[in-house]
Amino acid sequence: MTASPSPSSSASPSPSPSPSVSPSASRTSESPSASASATKSASTSAPATSATGFAAWPTATGEKAVSTTIEVSGTYDGALKRFYGSGDLGSDSQNEDQGPLFELADGATLKNVILGSPAADGVHCLGSCTLRNVWWQDVGEDAATFKGTSASATYVVDGGGARKADDKVFQHNGAGTLTIRNFQVADFGKLYRSCGNCRTQYERHVVISNVKVTGPGKDIAGVNANYGDTATLSGVTMVGDSSREITVCERFQGNSSGAEPSSLGTGADGTHCRYSASGITYR
């Protein structure tokens, strides 16, 4: 298995310099001019930062119904519009096979977007990607799924937040390293889960830093110890969990058969769940 990467290895991928959204016969296409216009308006609509250092939940600058998945390459700036599913993407179900509102090509960036309800399967990253200042008001099946097949794939979630996730917020089905930073989550099942029973399994890594977690919730990170996964956590602030019911990190015995994975234990072990007591603050 590959050596566990350090947080510095999770640098944001470099998107192509000109914003574009790739066309598809079956999916929605956005023109570069529309993205450029969004970039201009986003400069005046970014959410203010609170005294705690986390951005306030933003107010949408407009709304857009999405009936077919928007495919993104390069950079797509949503100018803090609220995107929500309609038609085939508007069932508001927990179906694992439903499509996403946004699908990002390798190296793409999605920023300044609010996903409303229904949110379908959120965002899919087909390779390395960056999600910057992306907000989920009511998570559908998952907020985002990371599907790159290269061990060197890097996914970055920087800023933003998610609420009302019945199960997972970030689902890591592919290989590589996900960095979640400056993020806030509330009323959720799991913030991060390395897929426990995907047909093709990989060694996966997650780095979680400067994250505000507001209960109720179940797990911050779930990893498969038998595949060499790691979760490195620091600067986690827990709010509304005085009984400490939210698990910081849980280790599982993953499989490729589709069976429900079994738990191997919780808490820091220095190998798969990497954090110190000082890295978790309760308020």
C-alpha atoms as a PDB file:
ATOM      1  CA  MET A   1       0.000   0.000   0.000  1.00  0.00           C
ATOM      2  CA  THR A   2       1.131   3.558  -0.541  1.00  0.00           C
ATOM      3  CA  ALA A   3       2.519   5.636   2.281  1.00  0.00           C
ATOM      4  CA  SER A   4       0.026   7.906   3.980  1.00  0.00           C
ATOM      5  CA  PRO A   5       0.235  11.409   2.544  1.00  0.00           C
ATOM      6  CA  SER A   6       0.791  14.498   4.646  1.00  0.00           C
ATOM      7  CA  PRO A   7      -1.762  17.342   4.651  1.00  0.00           C
ATOM      8  CA  SER A   8       0.487  19.325   2.338  1.00  0.00           C
ATOM      9  CA  SER A   9       0.005  16.707  -0.335  1.00  0.00           C
ATOM     10  CA  SER A  10      -3.649  17.671  -0.579  1.00  0.00           C
ATOM     11  CA  ALA A  11      -3.041  20.939  -2.353  1.00  0.00           C
ATOM     12  CA  SER A  12      -5.835  22.298  -4.481  1.00  0.00           C
ATOM     13  CA  PRO A  13      -5.648  21.119  -8.066  1.00  0.00           C
ATOM     14  CA  SER A  14      -5.022  23.798 -10.681  1.00  0.00           C
ATOM     15  CA  PRO A  15      -8.108  24.338 -12.808  1.00  0.00           C
ATOM     16  CA  SER A  16      -7.870  25.477 -16.392  1.00  0.00           C
ATOM     17  CA  PRO A  17      -7.537  29.266 -16.630  1.00  0.00           C
ATOM     18  CA  SER A  18     -10.734  30.032 -18.505  1.00  0.00           C
ATOM     19  CA  PRO A  19     -14.102  29.091 -16.995  1.00  0.00           C
ATOM     20  CA  SER A  20     -16.153  26.665 -19.031  1.00  0.00           C
ATOM     21  CA  VAL A  21     -18.759  23.985 -18.719  1.00  0.00           C
ATOM     22  CA  SER A  22     -18.505  21.068 -21.102  1.00  0.00           C
ATOM     23  CA  PRO A  23     -21.491  20.369 -23.309  1.00  0.00           C
ATOM     24  CA  SER A  24     -23.345  17.074 -23.293  1.00  0.00           C
ATOM     25  CA  ALA A  25     -26.348  15.875 -25.248  1.00  0.00           C
ATOM     26  CA  SER A  26     -28.022  14.609 -22.102  1.00  0.00           C
ATOM     27  CA  ARG A  27     -26.827  17.198 -19.626  1.00  0.00           C
ATOM     28  CA  THR A  28     -27.135  20.919 -19.063  1.00  0.00           C
ATOM     29  CA  SER A  29     -24.496  23.161 -20.630  1.00  0.00           C
ATOM     30  CA  GLU A  30     -23.485  26.560 -19.285  1.00  0.00           C
ATOM     31  CA  SER A  31     -21.653  29.092 -21.434  1.00  0.00           C
ATOM     32  CA  PRO A  32     -18.360  30.757 -20.382  1.00  0.00           C
ATOM     33  CA  SER A  33     -20.058  34.143 -20.550  1.00  0.00           C
ATOM     34  CA  ALA A  34     -22.625  33.057 -17.967  1.00  0.00           C
ATOM     35  CA  SER A  35     -19.874  31.887 -15.638  1.00  0.00           C
ATOM     36  CA  ALA A  36     -17.952  35.127 -16.157  1.00  0.00           C
ATOM     37  CA  SER A  37     -21.039  37.143 -15.263  1.00  0.00           C
ATOM     38  CA  ALA A  38     -21.450  35.036 -12.127  1.00  0.00           C
ATOM     39  CA  THR A  39     -17.839  35.736 -11.170  1.00  0.00           C
ATOM     40  CA  LYS A  40     -18.461  39.467 -11.350  1.00  0.00           C
ATOM     41  CA  SER A  41     -21.539  39.386  -9.125  1.00  0.00           C
ATOM     42  CA  ALA A  42     -19.982  36.937  -6.638  1.00  0.00           C
ATOM     43  CA  SER A  43     -17.493  39.579  -5.522  1.00  0.00           C
ATOM     44  CA  THR A  44     -20.358  41.460  -3.867  1.00  0.00           C
ATOM     45  CA  SER A  45     -22.270  38.450  -2.544  1.00  0.00           C
ATOM     46  CA  ALA A  46     -19.704  36.404  -0.592  1.00  0.00           C
ATOM     47  CA  PRO A  47     -20.869  35.678   2.968  1.00  0.00           C
ATOM     48  CA  ALA A  48     -19.355  37.663   5.812  1.00  0.00           C
ATOM     49  CA  THR A  49     -17.060  35.946   8.273  1.00  0.00           C
ATOM     50  CA  SER A  50     -18.308  35.758  11.848  1.00  0.00           C
ATOM     51  CA  ALA A  51     -16.293  36.341  15.001  1.00  0.00           C
ATOM     52  CA  THR A  52     -15.718  32.595  15.250  1.00  0.00           C
ATOM     53  CA  GLY A  53     -13.834  32.602  11.956  1.00  0.00           C
ATOM     54  CA  PHE A  54     -16.553  30.685  10.098  1.00  0.00           C
ATOM     55  CA  ALA A  55     -18.610  32.327   7.383  1.00  0.00           C
ATOM     56  CA  ALA A  56     -22.254  33.064   8.085  1.00  0.00           C
ATOM     57  CA  TRP A  57     -24.740  30.975   6.134  1.00  0.00           C
ATOM     58  CA  PRO A  58     -25.373  32.960   2.951  1.00  0.00           C
ATOM     59  CA  THR A  59     -28.594  34.310   1.505  1.00  0.00           C
ATOM     60  CA  ALA A  60     -29.168  33.208  -2.077  1.00  0.00           C
ATOM     61  CA  THR A  61     -28.829  35.866  -4.752  1.00  0.00           C
ATOM     62  CA  GLY A  62     -31.274  34.031  -7.023  1.00  0.00           C
ATOM     63  CA  GLU A  63     -32.548  30.551  -7.895  1.00  0.00           C
ATOM     64  CA  LYS A  64     -32.087  28.064 -10.711  1.00  0.00           C
ATOM     65  CA  ALA A  65     -33.890  24.760 -11.250  1.00  0.00           C
ATOM     66  CA  VAL A  66     -31.669  21.929 -12.516  1.00  0.00           C
ATOM     67  CA  SER A  67     -33.432  19.172 -14.455  1.00  0.00           C
ATOM     68  CA  THR A  68     -30.301  17.640 -16.026  1.00  0.00           C
ATOM     69  CA  THR A  69     -26.841  17.397 -14.492  1.00  0.00           C
ATOM     70  CA  ILE A  70     -24.580  20.408 -15.097  1.00  0.00           C
ATOM     71  CA  GLU A  71     -21.160  19.204 -16.269  1.00  0.00           C
ATOM     72  CA  VAL A  72     -18.289  21.452 -15.245  1.00  0.00           C
ATOM     73  CA  SER A  73     -14.739  21.736 -16.515  1.00  0.00           C
ATOM     74  CA  GLY A  74     -12.428  24.594 -15.560  1.00  0.00           C
ATOM     75  CA  THR A  75     -14.136  26.875 -13.025  1.00  0.00           C
ATOM     76  CA  TYR A  76     -17.847  27.456 -12.474  1.00  0.00           C
ATOM     77  CA  ASP A  77     -18.819  30.374 -10.217  1.00  0.00           C
ATOM     78  CA  GLY A  78     -22.463  30.254  -9.156  1.00  0.00           C
ATOM     79  CA  ALA A  79     -22.512  33.774  -7.654  1.00  0.00           C
ATOM     80  CA  LEU A  80     -24.271  32.281  -4.602  1.00  0.00           C
ATOM     81  CA  LYS A  81     -27.389  31.350  -6.531  1.00  0.00           C
ATOM     82  CA  ARG A  82     -29.503  28.543  -5.117  1.00  0.00           C
ATOM     83  CA  PHE A  83     -29.584  25.466  -7.366  1.00  0.00           C
ATOM     84  CA  TYR A  84     -32.219  22.800  -6.790  1.00  0.00           C
ATOM     85  CA  GLY A  85     -33.320  19.642  -8.558  1.00  0.00           C
ATOM     86  CA  SER A  86     -36.374  19.368 -10.777  1.00  0.00           C
ATOM     87  CA  GLY A  87     -37.719  16.716 -13.141  1.00  0.00           C
ATOM     88  CA  ASP A  88     -35.592  13.563 -12.880  1.00  0.00           C
ATOM     89  CA  LEU A  89     -33.411  15.296 -10.254  1.00  0.00           C
ATOM     90  CA  GLY A  90     -36.320  16.484  -8.148  1.00  0.00           C
ATOM     91  CA  SER A  91     -37.482  13.372  -6.319  1.00  0.00           C
ATOM     92  CA  ASP A  92     -35.775  14.251  -3.006  1.00  0.00           C
ATOM     93  CA  SER A  93     -35.017  10.558  -2.421  1.00  0.00           C
ATOM     94  CA  GLN A  94     -32.124   8.637  -0.858  1.00  0.00           C
ATOM     95  CA  ASN A  95     -31.627   6.568  -4.023  1.00  0.00           C
ATOM     96  CA  GLU A  96     -27.950   5.686  -4.463  1.00  0.00           C
ATOM     97  CA  ASP A  97     -28.293   5.689  -8.267  1.00  0.00           C
ATOM     98  CA  GLN A  98     -29.742   9.148  -8.798  1.00  0.00           C
ATOM     99  CA  GLY A  99     -27.717  11.754 -10.660  1.00  0.00           C
ATOM    100  CA  PRO A 100     -25.955  14.808  -9.211  1.00  0.00           C
ATOM    101  CA  LEU A 101     -26.802  18.456  -9.786  1.00  0.00           C
ATOM    102  CA  PHE A 102     -23.155  19.110 -10.723  1.00  0.00           C
ATOM    103  CA  GLU A 103     -20.564  16.753 -12.204  1.00  0.00           C
ATOM    104  CA  LEU A 104     -16.965  18.013 -12.143  1.00  0.00           C
ATOM    105  CA  ALA A 105     -14.311  16.864 -14.584  1.00  0.00           C
ATOM    106  CA  ASP A 106     -10.774  16.162 -13.378  1.00  0.00           C
ATOM    107  CA  GLY A 107      -9.236  19.436 -12.153  1.00  0.00           C
ATOM    108  CA  ALA A 108     -12.504  21.403 -12.090  1.00  0.00           C
ATOM    109  CA  THR A 109     -13.537  23.976  -9.474  1.00  0.00           C
ATOM    110  CA  LEU A 110     -17.050  24.739  -8.258  1.00  0.00           C
ATOM    111  CA  LYS A 111     -17.447  27.833  -6.098  1.00  0.00           C
ATOM    112  CA  ASN A 112     -20.017  30.185  -4.603  1.00  0.00           C
ATOM    113  CA  VAL A 113     -22.928  27.782  -4.988  1.00  0.00           C
ATOM    114  CA  ILE A 114     -25.895  27.049  -2.725  1.00  0.00           C
ATOM    115  CA  LEU A 115     -27.596  23.679  -3.182  1.00  0.00           C
ATOM    116  CA  GLY A 116     -31.209  23.768  -2.067  1.00  0.00           C
ATOM    117  CA  SER A 117     -33.819  21.045  -1.734  1.00  0.00           C
ATOM    118  CA  PRO A 118     -34.216  18.725  -3.494  1.00  0.00           C
ATOM    119  CA  ALA A 119     -30.466  18.364  -4.042  1.00  0.00           C
ATOM    120  CA  ALA A 120     -30.430  14.911  -5.712  1.00  0.00           C
ATOM    121  CA  ASP A 121     -26.947  13.398  -5.261  1.00  0.00           C
ATOM    122  CA  GLY A 122     -25.283  16.768  -4.840  1.00  0.00           C
ATOM    123  CA  VAL A 123     -21.895  17.046  -6.546  1.00  0.00           C
ATOM    124  CA  HIS A 124     -19.800  14.317  -8.201  1.00  0.00           C
ATOM    125  CA  CYS A 125     -16.056  14.759  -8.750  1.00  0.00           C
ATOM    126  CA  LEU A 126     -14.704  12.440 -11.448  1.00  0.00           C
ATOM    127  CA  GLY A 127     -11.086  13.263 -10.556  1.00  0.00           C
ATOM    128  CA  SER A 128      -9.236  15.916  -8.564  1.00  0.00           C
ATOM    129  CA  CYS A 129     -11.519  18.867  -7.802  1.00  0.00           C
ATOM    130  CA  THR A 130     -12.044  21.903  -5.598  1.00  0.00           C
ATOM    131  CA  LEU A 131     -15.313  22.881  -3.921  1.00  0.00           C
ATOM    132  CA  ARG A 132     -14.923  26.404  -2.561  1.00  0.00           C
ATOM    133  CA  ASN A 133     -17.642  28.188  -0.598  1.00  0.00           C
ATOM    134  CA  VAL A 134     -20.272  25.584  -1.522  1.00  0.00           C
ATOM    135  CA  TRP A 135     -23.320  25.287   0.767  1.00  0.00           C
ATOM    136  CA  TRP A 136     -25.885  22.506   1.115  1.00  0.00           C
ATOM    137  CA  GLN A 137     -29.101  23.688   2.775  1.00  0.00           C
ATOM    138  CA  ASP A 138     -30.621  20.206   2.893  1.00  0.00           C
ATOM    139  CA  VAL A 139     -28.345  17.340   1.794  1.00  0.00           C
ATOM    140  CA  GLY A 140     -29.929  14.805  -0.552  1.00  0.00           C
ATOM    141  CA  GLU A 141     -28.386  11.332  -0.859  1.00  0.00           C
ATOM    142  CA  ASP A 142     -24.879  12.761  -0.314  1.00  0.00           C
ATOM    143  CA  ALA A 143     -23.531  16.306  -0.492  1.00  0.00           C
ATOM    144  CA  ALA A 144     -20.557  15.303  -2.666  1.00  0.00           C
ATOM    145  CA  THR A 145     -19.036  12.061  -3.932  1.00  0.00           C
ATOM    146  CA  PHE A 146     -15.358  11.768  -4.893  1.00  0.00           C
ATOM    147  CA  LYS A 147     -14.719   9.211  -7.616  1.00  0.00           C
ATOM    148  CA  GLY A 148     -11.200   9.670  -9.008  1.00  0.00           C
ATOM    149  CA  THR A 149      -9.319   6.404  -9.581  1.00  0.00           C
ATOM    150  CA  SER A 150      -5.739   7.691  -9.177  1.00  0.00           C
ATOM    151  CA  ALA A 151      -3.928   7.412  -5.855  1.00  0.00           C
ATOM    152  CA  SER A 152      -2.594  10.919  -6.529  1.00  0.00           C
ATOM    153  CA  ALA A 153      -6.068  12.444  -6.874  1.00  0.00           C
ATOM    154  CA  THR A 154      -6.614  15.417  -4.549  1.00  0.00           C
ATOM    155  CA  TYR A 155     -10.007  16.791  -3.605  1.00  0.00           C
ATOM    156  CA  VAL A 156     -10.385  20.014  -1.615  1.00  0.00           C
ATOM    157  CA  VAL A 157     -13.463  21.294   0.196  1.00  0.00           C
ATOM    158  CA  ASP A 158     -12.636  24.811   1.391  1.00  0.00           C
ATOM    159  CA  GLY A 159     -15.272  26.822   3.245  1.00  0.00           C
ATOM    160  CA  GLY A 160     -19.007  26.338   2.978  1.00  0.00           C
ATOM    161  CA  GLY A 161     -21.235  24.073   5.002  1.00  0.00           C
ATOM    162  CA  ALA A 162     -23.919  21.385   5.010  1.00  0.00           C
ATOM    163  CA  ARG A 163     -27.094  20.750   6.986  1.00  0.00           C
ATOM    164  CA  LYS A 164     -29.691  18.005   7.317  1.00  0.00           C
ATOM    165  CA  ALA A 165     -27.780  15.004   5.988  1.00  0.00           C
ATOM    166  CA  ASP A 166     -29.744  11.855   6.822  1.00  0.00           C
ATOM    167  CA  ASP A 167     -26.617   9.789   6.212  1.00  0.00           C
ATOM    168  CA  LYS A 168     -23.319  10.928   4.697  1.00  0.00           C
ATOM    169  CA  VAL A 169     -22.123  14.410   3.774  1.00  0.00           C
ATOM    170  CA  PHE A 170     -18.949  13.486   1.863  1.00  0.00           C
ATOM    171  CA  GLN A 171     -18.752  10.039   0.263  1.00  0.00           C
ATOM    172  CA  HIS A 172     -15.273   8.909  -0.874  1.00  0.00           C
ATOM    173  CA  ASN A 173     -15.736   6.124  -3.424  1.00  0.00           C
ATOM    174  CA  GLY A 174     -12.532   6.599  -5.423  1.00  0.00           C
ATOM    175  CA  ALA A 175      -8.860   6.778  -4.529  1.00  0.00           C
ATOM    176  CA  GLY A 176      -6.721   9.673  -3.325  1.00  0.00           C
ATOM    177  CA  THR A 177      -6.866  12.288  -0.581  1.00  0.00           C
ATOM    178  CA  LEU A 178      -9.711  14.590   0.449  1.00  0.00           C
ATOM    179  CA  THR A 179      -9.031  17.758   2.447  1.00  0.00           C
ATOM    180  CA  ILE A 180     -11.960  19.355   4.304  1.00  0.00           C
ATOM    181  CA  ARG A 181     -11.125  22.722   5.845  1.00  0.00           C
ATOM    182  CA  ASN A 182     -12.906  25.829   7.119  1.00  0.00           C
ATOM    183  CA  PHE A 183     -16.179  23.915   6.877  1.00  0.00           C
ATOM    184  CA  GLN A 184     -19.255  23.659   9.101  1.00  0.00           C
ATOM    185  CA  VAL A 185     -21.754  20.838   9.376  1.00  0.00           C
ATOM    186  CA  ALA A 186     -24.944  20.460  11.397  1.00  0.00           C
ATOM    187  CA  ASP A 187     -27.614  17.777  11.843  1.00  0.00           C
ATOM    188  CA  PHE A 188     -25.874  14.946  10.005  1.00  0.00           C
ATOM    189  CA  GLY A 189     -25.055  11.245   9.949  1.00  0.00           C
ATOM    190  CA  LYS A 190     -21.388  11.115   8.916  1.00  0.00           C
ATOM    191  CA  LEU A 191     -19.299  14.049   7.753  1.00  0.00           C
ATOM    192  CA  TYR A 192     -16.876  11.767   5.857  1.00  0.00           C
ATOM    193  CA  ARG A 193     -17.053   8.104   4.894  1.00  0.00           C
ATOM    194  CA  SER A 194     -14.585   6.053   2.932  1.00  0.00           C
ATOM    195  CA  CYS A 195     -16.856   3.674   1.018  1.00  0.00           C
ATOM    196  CA  GLY A 196     -17.259   0.550   3.104  1.00  0.00           C
ATOM    197  CA  ASN A 197     -18.591  -1.809   0.450  1.00  0.00           C
ATOM    198  CA  CYS A 198     -17.829  -0.451  -3.032  1.00  0.00           C
ATOM    199  CA  ARG A 199     -17.221  -3.047  -5.724  1.00  0.00           C
ATOM    200  CA  THR A 200     -13.763  -1.549  -6.341  1.00  0.00           C
ATOM    201  CA  GLN A 201     -11.911  -0.547  -3.192  1.00  0.00           C
ATOM    202  CA  TYR A 202      -8.934   1.779  -2.735  1.00  0.00           C
ATOM    203  CA  GLU A 203      -6.680   3.136  -0.047  1.00  0.00           C
ATOM    204  CA  ARG A 204      -8.144   6.520   0.890  1.00  0.00           C
ATOM    205  CA  HIS A 205      -7.103   9.462   3.063  1.00  0.00           C
ATOM    206  CA  VAL A 206      -8.890  12.444   4.550  1.00  0.00           C
ATOM    207  CA  VAL A 207      -7.486  15.542   6.274  1.00  0.00           C
ATOM    208  CA  ILE A 208     -10.044  17.491   8.325  1.00  0.00           C
ATOM    209  CA  SER A 209      -9.046  20.838   9.809  1.00  0.00           C
ATOM    210  CA  ASN A 210     -10.764  23.929  11.215  1.00  0.00           C
ATOM    211  CA  VAL A 211     -14.234  22.395  11.085  1.00  0.00           C
ATOM    212  CA  LYS A 212     -17.274  23.334  13.175  1.00  0.00           C
ATOM    213  CA  VAL A 213     -19.530  20.374  13.991  1.00  0.00           C
ATOM    214  CA  THR A 214     -23.003  21.011  15.432  1.00  0.00           C
ATOM    215  CA  GLY A 215     -25.089  18.124  16.678  1.00  0.00           C
ATOM    216  CA  PRO A 216     -27.022  16.012  16.322  1.00  0.00           C
ATOM    217  CA  GLY A 217     -24.605  13.813  14.430  1.00  0.00           C
ATOM    218  CA  LYS A 218     -23.120  10.337  14.383  1.00  0.00           C
ATOM    219  CA  ASP A 219     -19.535  10.240  13.042  1.00  0.00           C
ATOM    220  CA  ILE A 220     -17.101  12.858  11.838  1.00  0.00           C
ATOM    221  CA  ALA A 221     -14.931  10.368   9.942  1.00  0.00           C
ATOM    222  CA  GLY A 222     -15.307   6.702   9.026  1.00  0.00           C
ATOM    223  CA  VAL A 223     -12.375   4.833   7.434  1.00  0.00           C
ATOM    224  CA  ASN A 224     -11.554   1.270   6.389  1.00  0.00           C
ATOM    225  CA  ALA A 225      -8.594   0.070   8.410  1.00  0.00           C
ATOM    226  CA  ASN A 226      -8.117  -3.062   6.312  1.00  0.00           C
ATOM    227  CA  TYR A 227      -7.460  -0.972   3.178  1.00  0.00           C
ATOM    228  CA  GLY A 228      -4.941   1.333   4.858  1.00  0.00           C
ATOM    229  CA  ASP A 229      -7.206   4.394   5.109  1.00  0.00           C
ATOM    230  CA  THR A 230      -6.272   7.322   7.345  1.00  0.00           C
ATOM    231  CA  ALA A 231      -8.191  10.245   8.853  1.00  0.00           C
ATOM    232  CA  THR A 232      -6.140  13.146  10.239  1.00  0.00           C
ATOM    233  CA  LEU A 233      -8.131  15.667  12.279  1.00  0.00           C
ATOM    234  CA  SER A 234      -7.243  18.978  13.947  1.00  0.00           C
ATOM    235  CA  GLY A 235      -9.028  22.149  14.937  1.00  0.00           C
ATOM    236  CA  VAL A 236     -12.428  20.478  15.271  1.00  0.00           C
ATOM    237  CA  THR A 237     -14.990  22.429  17.312  1.00  0.00           C
ATOM    238  CA  MET A 238     -17.971  20.418  18.591  1.00  0.00           C
ATOM    239  CA  VAL A 239     -21.127  22.381  19.408  1.00  0.00           C
ATOM    240  CA  GLY A 240     -24.205  20.986  21.130  1.00  0.00           C
ATOM    241  CA  ASP A 241     -22.621  17.647  22.027  1.00  0.00           C
ATOM    242  CA  SER A 242     -22.024  17.967  25.755  1.00  0.00           C
ATOM    243  CA  SER A 243     -22.615  14.233  26.189  1.00  0.00           C
ATOM    244  CA  ARG A 244     -19.956  13.543  23.538  1.00  0.00           C
ATOM    245  CA  GLU A 245     -22.211  11.243  21.578  1.00  0.00           C
ATOM    246  CA  ILE A 246     -20.682  12.164  18.209  1.00  0.00           C
ATOM    247  CA  THR A 247     -17.841   9.786  17.296  1.00  0.00           C
ATOM    248  CA  VAL A 248     -14.734  11.607  16.112  1.00  0.00           C
ATOM    249  CA  CYS A 249     -13.319   8.707  14.090  1.00  0.00           C
ATOM    250  CA  GLU A 250     -14.508   5.144  13.514  1.00  0.00           C
ATOM    251  CA  ARG A 251     -12.605   2.277  11.909  1.00  0.00           C
ATOM    252  CA  PHE A 252     -14.357  -0.310   9.768  1.00  0.00           C
ATOM    253  CA  GLN A 253     -13.626  -3.620   8.071  1.00  0.00           C
ATOM    254  CA  GLY A 254     -14.438  -2.706   4.499  1.00  0.00           C
ATOM    255  CA  ASN A 255     -15.356  -5.151   1.740  1.00  0.00           C
ATOM    256  CA  SER A 256     -16.061  -5.282  -1.994  1.00  0.00           C
ATOM    257  CA  SER A 257     -19.015  -7.650  -1.771  1.00  0.00           C
ATOM    258  CA  GLY A 258     -21.651  -5.049  -0.955  1.00  0.00           C
ATOM    259  CA  ALA A 259     -22.161  -6.374   2.585  1.00  0.00           C
ATOM    260  CA  GLU A 260     -22.590  -3.974   5.475  1.00  0.00           C
ATOM    261  CA  PRO A 261     -19.088  -3.275   6.854  1.00  0.00           C
ATOM    262  CA  SER A 262     -18.414  -4.110  10.488  1.00  0.00           C
ATOM    263  CA  SER A 263     -17.020  -1.650  13.013  1.00  0.00           C
ATOM    264  CA  LEU A 264     -13.523  -2.290  14.378  1.00  0.00           C
ATOM    265  CA  GLY A 265     -13.565   0.423  17.007  1.00  0.00           C
ATOM    266  CA  THR A 266     -13.517   4.158  17.603  1.00  0.00           C
ATOM    267  CA  GLY A 267     -11.084   6.776  18.828  1.00  0.00           C
ATOM    268  CA  ALA A 268      -7.531   7.792  18.029  1.00  0.00           C
ATOM    269  CA  ASP A 269      -5.156   4.915  17.354  1.00  0.00           C
ATOM    270  CA  GLY A 270      -2.228   6.803  15.793  1.00  0.00           C
ATOM    271  CA  THR A 271      -2.479   4.754  12.596  1.00  0.00           C
ATOM    272  CA  HIS A 272      -5.872   5.065  10.944  1.00  0.00           C
ATOM    273  CA  CYS A 273      -7.522   7.650  13.212  1.00  0.00           C
ATOM    274  CA  ARG A 274      -4.968  10.387  13.804  1.00  0.00           C
ATOM    275  CA  TYR A 275      -5.784  13.210  16.183  1.00  0.00           C
ATOM    276  CA  SER A 276      -5.034  14.442  19.694  1.00  0.00           C
ATOM    277  CA  ALA A 277      -7.379  15.415  22.517  1.00  0.00           C
ATOM    278  CA  SER A 278      -6.284  19.031  22.088  1.00  0.00           C
ATOM    279  CA  GLY A 279      -7.433  18.924  18.465  1.00  0.00           C
ATOM    280  CA  ILE A 280     -11.088  18.446  19.522  1.00  0.00           C
ATOM    281  CA  THR A 281     -12.826  21.272  21.411  1.00  0.00           C
ATOM    282  CA  TYR A 282     -16.296  21.029  22.962  1.00  0.00           C
ATOM    283  CA  ARG A 283     -18.510  24.085  23.382  1.00  0.00           C
END
